[in-house]
Amino acid sequence: LQIISGQQLRNSQQHKNKGENIRDVVDPYVCVSIKGHPKDEDNNKVYKSEVVKDNGLNPVFNFHCEFKIYCPEHAFLKFEVYDKNMMNSELLGRFAVPFECIRSGYRVVPLLDHNLNPIK
């Protein structure tokens, strides 16, 4: 699996400054993992991309993940995108797809917010 890039990633927190809404520029990174059967979760690591500094508009990650799946009918591929801050990381969005639904080729993963609603 190769994670190539993201598009229009932004944080959910807005800061007020003289009546204007200002959003911080995000420093995104992606975590990819397997959820499902304990053997699949235990035998596969969580992959984490490098942080892309100050680029939430069109960050390029270009990193490779490889998983060995023992029970594909119970496995989900989980994507989480975070904003790296000085003290911590803020979840920007997440998405999970059943492993058996994955096909070769380019794909777009629509991120969901904390309440699992589509991010607008």
Protein backbone atom coordinates (compact mmCIF):
# COMPACT_ATOMS: atom_id res chain seq x y z
CA LEU A 1 0.00 0.00 0.00
CA GLN A 2 1.36 3.43 -0.88
CA ILE A 3 0.04 6.66 0.62
CA ILE A 4 0.73 9.39 -1.91
CA SER A 5 -0.85 12.67 -0.80
CA GLY A 6 -3.71 14.49 0.88
CA GLN A 7 -5.94 17.39 -0.12
CA GLN A 8 -7.40 20.34 1.76
CA LEU A 9 -6.56 19.14 5.27
CA ARG A 10 -7.47 21.64 7.98
CA ASN A 11 -7.82 21.62 11.72
CA SER A 12 -11.14 21.90 13.47
CA GLN A 13 -10.13 24.64 15.89
CA GLN A 14 -10.59 28.28 14.96
CA HIS A 15 -8.96 31.20 16.73
CA LYS A 16 -10.66 34.58 17.04
CA ASN A 17 -8.58 37.61 16.16
CA LYS A 18 -10.32 40.98 15.89
CA GLY A 19 -13.58 39.35 14.81
CA GLU A 20 -11.98 37.14 12.15
CA ASN A 21 -11.84 33.36 12.10
CA ILE A 22 -8.24 32.27 11.63
CA ARG A 23 -7.20 28.66 11.16
CA ASP A 24 -3.67 27.50 11.85
CA VAL A 25 -1.79 25.93 8.94
CA VAL A 26 -1.59 22.22 9.65
CA ASP A 27 1.50 20.03 9.79
CA PRO A 28 -0.15 16.75 8.75
CA TYR A 29 0.98 13.16 9.02
CA VAL A 30 -0.81 9.86 8.38
CA CYS A 31 -1.04 6.70 10.50
CA VAL A 32 -2.13 3.45 8.84
CA SER A 33 -2.93 0.29 10.78
CA ILE A 34 -4.92 -2.95 10.71
CA LYS A 35 -7.90 -3.54 12.99
CA GLY A 36 -9.67 -6.87 13.28
CA HIS A 37 -8.54 -10.30 14.44
CA PRO A 38 -5.98 -10.10 17.30
CA LYS A 39 -3.44 -12.08 15.25
CA ASP A 40 -3.66 -9.48 12.46
CA GLU A 41 -3.40 -6.55 14.89
CA ASP A 42 -0.49 -8.06 16.85
CA ASN A 43 1.56 -9.09 13.79
CA ASN A 44 1.31 -5.77 11.94
CA LYS A 45 2.81 -2.48 13.03
CA VAL A 46 1.25 0.96 12.84
CA TYR A 47 2.84 2.89 9.97
CA LYS A 48 3.39 6.61 10.41
CA SER A 49 4.38 9.03 7.65
CA GLU A 50 6.78 11.92 8.05
CA VAL A 51 5.22 15.22 9.11
CA VAL A 52 4.67 17.61 6.19
CA LYS A 53 5.38 21.07 7.62
CA ASP A 54 2.92 23.92 6.94
CA ASN A 55 1.06 22.22 4.11
CA GLY A 56 -2.53 21.16 4.66
CA LEU A 57 -3.58 22.19 1.17
CA ASN A 58 -1.76 19.48 -0.78
CA PRO A 59 0.68 17.53 1.42
CA VAL A 60 2.76 14.83 -0.30
CA PHE A 61 3.51 11.85 1.96
CA ASN A 62 4.83 9.20 -0.47
CA PHE A 63 5.31 6.38 1.98
CA HIS A 64 4.86 2.64 1.71
CA CYS A 65 3.04 0.22 4.05
CA GLU A 66 2.99 -3.56 3.90
CA PHE A 67 0.69 -5.81 5.92
CA LYS A 68 0.41 -9.58 6.35
CA ILE A 69 -3.23 -10.50 6.91
CA TYR A 70 -4.30 -13.88 8.34
CA CYS A 71 -8.04 -13.27 8.58
CA PRO A 72 -9.01 -10.86 5.76
CA GLU A 73 -12.75 -11.27 6.30
CA HIS A 74 -12.38 -9.57 9.71
CA ALA A 75 -9.64 -7.05 8.87
CA PHE A 76 -10.07 -3.32 8.37
CA LEU A 77 -7.45 -0.92 7.05
CA LYS A 78 -7.57 2.19 9.27
CA PHE A 79 -6.32 5.61 8.15
CA GLU A 80 -5.89 8.48 10.62
CA VAL A 81 -4.60 11.94 9.75
CA TYR A 82 -3.15 14.15 12.49
CA ASP A 83 -1.90 17.72 12.83
CA LYS A 84 1.46 17.78 14.64
CA ASN A 85 1.59 20.62 17.16
CA MET A 86 4.37 21.63 19.53
CA MET A 87 2.91 19.77 22.52
CA ASN A 88 0.65 17.11 20.99
CA SER A 89 -1.15 15.95 17.88
CA GLU A 90 -4.75 16.71 16.93
CA LEU A 91 -6.82 14.17 14.99
CA LEU A 92 -7.96 15.78 11.72
CA GLY A 93 -9.90 12.81 10.38
CA ARG A 94 -10.09 9.05 10.04
CA PHE A 95 -11.50 6.35 7.81
CA ALA A 96 -11.60 2.54 7.83
CA VAL A 97 -12.20 0.25 4.89
CA PRO A 98 -12.75 -3.54 4.95
CA PHE A 99 -9.58 -5.23 3.78
CA GLU A 100 -11.49 -7.40 1.31
CA CYS A 101 -12.81 -4.25 -0.45
CA ILE A 102 -9.33 -2.97 -1.33
CA ARG A 103 -8.47 -3.05 -5.02
CA SER A 104 -5.33 -2.09 -6.91
CA GLY A 105 -5.02 1.37 -8.40
CA TYR A 106 -5.43 4.93 -7.21
CA ARG A 107 -8.09 5.52 -4.56
CA VAL A 108 -9.44 8.47 -2.57
CA VAL A 109 -10.17 8.01 1.13
CA PRO A 110 -12.87 10.39 2.46
CA LEU A 111 -12.02 11.40 6.03
CA LEU A 112 -14.57 11.44 8.84
CA ASP A 113 -14.54 13.68 11.92
CA HIS A 114 -14.61 12.69 15.63
CA ASN A 115 -18.34 11.87 15.36
CA LEU A 116 -17.82 9.86 12.17
CA ASN A 117 -19.48 12.52 10.02
CA PRO A 118 -18.00 13.49 6.63
CA ILE A 119 -15.60 16.41 6.89
CA LYS A 120 -16.84 19.43 4.93
